[in-house]
Each structure stands twice: as C-alpha cells, then as structure tokens.
Amino acid sequence: MRHILSVLMENESGALARLVGLFAQRGYNIDSLNVAPTEDESLSRLTLVTKGDDQIIEQITKQLNKLVEVVKVVDLSDGSHVERGLMLVKVRATGAQREEVKRSADIFRAQIIDVSTLTYTIMITGDESKLDAFIEALSGTTILEVARTGVSGVARGDKVLSL
C-alpha cells in the first residue's frame, strides 16, 4: 500500500543523506521525495512516498524517529490529507495539434508556460492520478520531456505537523 510520510527534521547538511541512507540500508524504496525549509529556517519538511504494509511502515517510522535530526514523523495516509505534485511536460505541437494540446491543457486546468514554433511546455499540478491521466490524454502527441516533482502533502483541517 502507498504511504505518504511527512517528516519534520533539522535543516542541516548531511541530514537528508542519513535519512536516505536509512532507506537504502534496509532495502526500502522511496517512490518520490520532496524537501524544503519550513517557516522556521532551522527545520525542513520532507515528504516522501513509499510502499509497504502497515508493519513495514511502522518499522520505517520507528527507524526514522531514531535519527537525531528527525523531530517528528507523520503518516499522512492514516487520515484525511491534501497532496499535490507538479509536472512539466514538453510536447511537439504543430498545425492542428496545437489546438488539441491547448484543449487538453484547458480541460485539466494546466498552463502552457512556454511556446515555440514547434513545442509547448505545459505545467500541471494535482495528485498522481491527475498527472497520469494528463499524460494519457496526450497519448496522440509526441511527448519530448517530462519532469515531475515529488508529492507535497499536509493533513486536512486543524492538524499540523509541528513541535
């Protein structure tokens, strides 16, 4: 089962390497990883997506909590949460295809952020299924490049990940 872990950790050099090393040493895979400083410059929020049953996720959480730099770990998948990823897609768009790509972008509420005579670069945000569906909608178009961020997520409502 897919899990989104939100980790509050000290913002210092080497902290991310130790966290990733923990996953590698134990043979766990990270499907996506996103990290950035929080409103408190001394802390970073790391959001990672991994797969495993409840026992594996519990083990991962325990191991993460043993790291000195880790302040708090929350499995966002345990409750109601909001998640988003960002994707940039560069497509070949010429002739009548240009209008079709524009139409697809409008349907998915994506934005065309760069235009050349032969290509469009499109930015879209959403959960993984929306981003995958957009790629599928472009199946008749030549996709030149795709760049995706990792998932960012927070719990819905009043729940916050803080000290």
Protein backbone atom coordinates (compact mmCIF):
# COMPACT_ATOMS: atom_id res chain seq x y z
CA MET A 1 0.00 0.00 0.00
CA ARG A 2 1.17 3.54 -0.81
CA HIS A 3 2.04 5.79 2.14
CA ILE A 4 2.93 9.48 2.31
CA LEU A 5 5.26 10.24 5.22
CA SER A 6 5.74 13.83 6.35
CA VAL A 7 8.96 14.28 8.29
CA LEU A 8 9.92 17.39 10.22
CA MET A 9 13.71 17.46 10.56
CA GLU A 10 16.57 19.76 11.40
CA ASN A 11 17.73 21.79 8.42
CA GLU A 12 21.43 20.89 8.43
CA SER A 13 23.91 19.40 6.00
CA GLY A 14 24.01 15.62 5.88
CA ALA A 15 20.56 15.11 7.44
CA LEU A 16 18.93 14.17 4.14
CA ALA A 17 21.79 11.79 3.27
CA ARG A 18 21.38 9.96 6.60
CA LEU A 19 17.63 9.62 6.07
CA VAL A 20 18.01 8.30 2.53
CA GLY A 21 20.81 6.01 3.69
CA LEU A 22 18.46 4.51 6.26
CA PHE A 23 16.08 3.51 3.47
CA ALA A 24 18.88 2.09 1.32
CA GLN A 25 20.41 0.05 4.16
CA ARG A 26 17.11 -1.63 4.91
CA GLY A 27 16.10 -2.21 1.30
CA TYR A 28 13.11 0.15 1.33
CA ASN A 29 12.32 2.11 -1.81
CA ILE A 30 11.43 5.81 -1.98
CA ASP A 31 8.97 6.45 -4.82
CA SER A 32 9.19 10.24 -4.51
CA LEU A 33 10.97 12.69 -2.26
CA ASN A 34 10.37 16.38 -1.70
CA VAL A 35 12.20 18.52 0.86
CA ALA A 36 12.32 22.25 1.62
CA PRO A 37 12.78 24.58 4.59
CA THR A 38 9.68 25.41 6.67
CA GLU A 39 8.55 28.72 8.09
CA ASP A 40 11.19 28.04 10.78
CA GLU A 41 14.54 28.21 8.93
CA SER A 42 16.09 25.69 11.35
CA LEU A 43 13.64 22.98 10.21
CA SER A 44 12.84 21.28 6.91
CA ARG A 45 9.75 19.35 5.91
CA LEU A 46 10.48 16.20 3.96
CA THR A 47 7.60 14.48 2.22
CA LEU A 48 8.25 11.02 0.86
CA VAL A 49 6.14 8.38 -0.79
CA THR A 50 6.90 4.73 -0.20
CA LYS A 51 5.07 1.43 -0.42
CA GLY A 52 4.62 -1.26 2.19
CA ASP A 53 2.16 -2.93 4.51
CA ASP A 54 1.39 -1.49 7.94
CA GLN A 55 4.18 -3.48 9.59
CA ILE A 56 6.83 -2.18 7.17
CA ILE A 57 5.60 1.42 7.51
CA GLU A 58 5.65 1.10 11.31
CA GLN A 59 9.25 -0.17 11.11
CA ILE A 60 10.24 2.70 8.78
CA THR A 61 8.63 5.21 11.16
CA LYS A 62 10.47 3.76 14.17
CA GLN A 63 13.79 3.87 12.31
CA LEU A 64 13.20 7.47 11.20
CA ASN A 65 12.39 8.52 14.76
CA LYS A 66 15.76 7.11 15.88
CA LEU A 67 17.62 9.61 13.68
CA VAL A 68 18.88 12.53 15.77
CA GLU A 69 17.85 15.11 13.13
CA VAL A 70 14.25 13.89 12.94
CA VAL A 71 11.83 15.91 15.06
CA LYS A 72 8.52 14.28 14.07
CA VAL A 73 7.15 11.73 11.59
CA VAL A 74 3.51 11.55 10.49
CA ASP A 75 1.94 9.09 8.06
CA LEU A 76 -0.45 11.36 6.15
CA SER A 77 -2.11 8.30 4.63
CA ASP A 78 -3.60 7.48 8.05
CA GLY A 79 -6.03 10.39 7.81
CA SER A 80 -7.61 12.89 5.51
CA HIS A 81 -4.95 14.89 3.68
CA VAL A 82 -4.25 17.07 0.67
CA GLU A 83 -1.46 16.10 -1.72
CA ARG A 84 -0.14 17.71 -4.86
CA GLY A 85 2.65 17.17 -7.32
CA LEU A 86 3.84 19.38 -10.14
CA MET A 87 4.68 18.20 -13.64
CA LEU A 88 6.26 19.97 -16.60
CA VAL A 89 5.61 18.38 -20.00
CA LYS A 90 7.24 19.48 -23.25
CA VAL A 91 5.31 18.31 -26.32
CA ARG A 92 5.78 18.68 -30.05
CA ALA A 93 2.82 20.74 -31.25
CA THR A 94 2.45 21.76 -34.87
CA GLY A 95 -0.52 22.53 -37.08
CA ALA A 96 -3.91 21.29 -35.86
CA GLN A 97 -2.20 19.51 -32.98
CA ARG A 98 -1.57 22.87 -31.30
CA GLU A 99 -5.29 23.42 -30.74
CA GLU A 100 -5.77 19.86 -29.46
CA VAL A 101 -2.96 20.28 -26.93
CA LYS A 102 -4.43 23.62 -25.81
CA ARG A 103 -7.83 21.98 -25.37
CA SER A 104 -6.34 19.15 -23.28
CA ALA A 105 -4.46 21.67 -21.14
CA ASP A 106 -7.67 23.63 -20.54
CA ILE A 107 -9.63 20.51 -19.60
CA PHE A 108 -7.00 19.57 -17.00
CA ARG A 109 -6.57 23.20 -15.80
CA ALA A 110 -2.94 23.10 -16.89
CA GLN A 111 -0.99 26.12 -18.08
CA ILE A 112 1.09 26.49 -21.21
CA ILE A 113 4.15 28.25 -19.83
CA ASP A 114 6.46 28.26 -22.86
CA VAL A 115 5.70 28.38 -26.56
CA SER A 116 7.95 27.90 -29.58
CA THR A 117 7.10 27.30 -33.22
CA LEU A 118 7.33 23.53 -32.70
CA THR A 119 6.67 22.94 -28.98
CA TYR A 120 4.56 23.77 -25.95
CA THR A 121 5.76 23.37 -22.38
CA ILE A 122 2.85 22.71 -20.05
CA MET A 123 2.70 22.95 -16.25
CA ILE A 124 0.09 20.96 -14.34
CA THR A 125 -0.47 20.33 -10.64
CA GLY A 126 -2.56 17.68 -8.94
CA ASP A 127 -2.46 14.29 -7.34
CA GLU A 128 -0.67 11.40 -9.05
CA SER A 129 -3.79 10.12 -10.79
CA LYS A 130 -4.48 13.52 -12.38
CA LEU A 131 -0.90 13.83 -13.63
CA ASP A 132 -1.02 10.28 -15.02
CA ALA A 133 -4.38 10.99 -16.70
CA PHE A 134 -2.94 14.10 -18.35
CA ILE A 135 -0.06 12.08 -19.81
CA GLU A 136 -2.62 9.55 -21.07
CA ALA A 137 -4.67 12.37 -22.67
CA LEU A 138 -1.56 13.44 -24.57
CA SER A 139 -1.03 9.93 -25.96
CA GLY A 140 -1.63 11.11 -29.56
CA THR A 141 1.02 13.81 -29.13
CA THR A 142 4.79 13.44 -29.23
CA ILE A 143 5.99 13.97 -25.67
CA LEU A 144 9.57 15.26 -25.71
CA GLU A 145 10.26 15.64 -21.97
CA VAL A 146 8.54 15.08 -18.64
CA ALA A 147 9.76 16.39 -15.28
CA ARG A 148 7.79 15.63 -12.11
CA THR A 149 8.29 16.81 -8.56
CA GLY A 150 7.72 14.63 -5.56
CA VAL A 151 4.46 14.80 -3.67
CA SER A 152 3.86 17.60 -1.18
CA GLY A 153 1.17 16.99 1.36
CA VAL A 154 -0.47 18.22 4.55
CA ALA A 155 -3.24 16.90 6.77
CA ARG A 156 -6.67 18.42 6.22
CA GLY A 157 -8.24 20.73 8.76
CA ASP A 158 -6.68 21.81 12.04
CA LYS A 159 -4.00 19.08 12.24
CA VAL A 160 -0.46 20.44 11.90
CA LEU A 161 2.98 18.88 11.86
CA SER A 162 4.87 20.94 14.39
CA LEU A 163 6.93 20.63 17.53
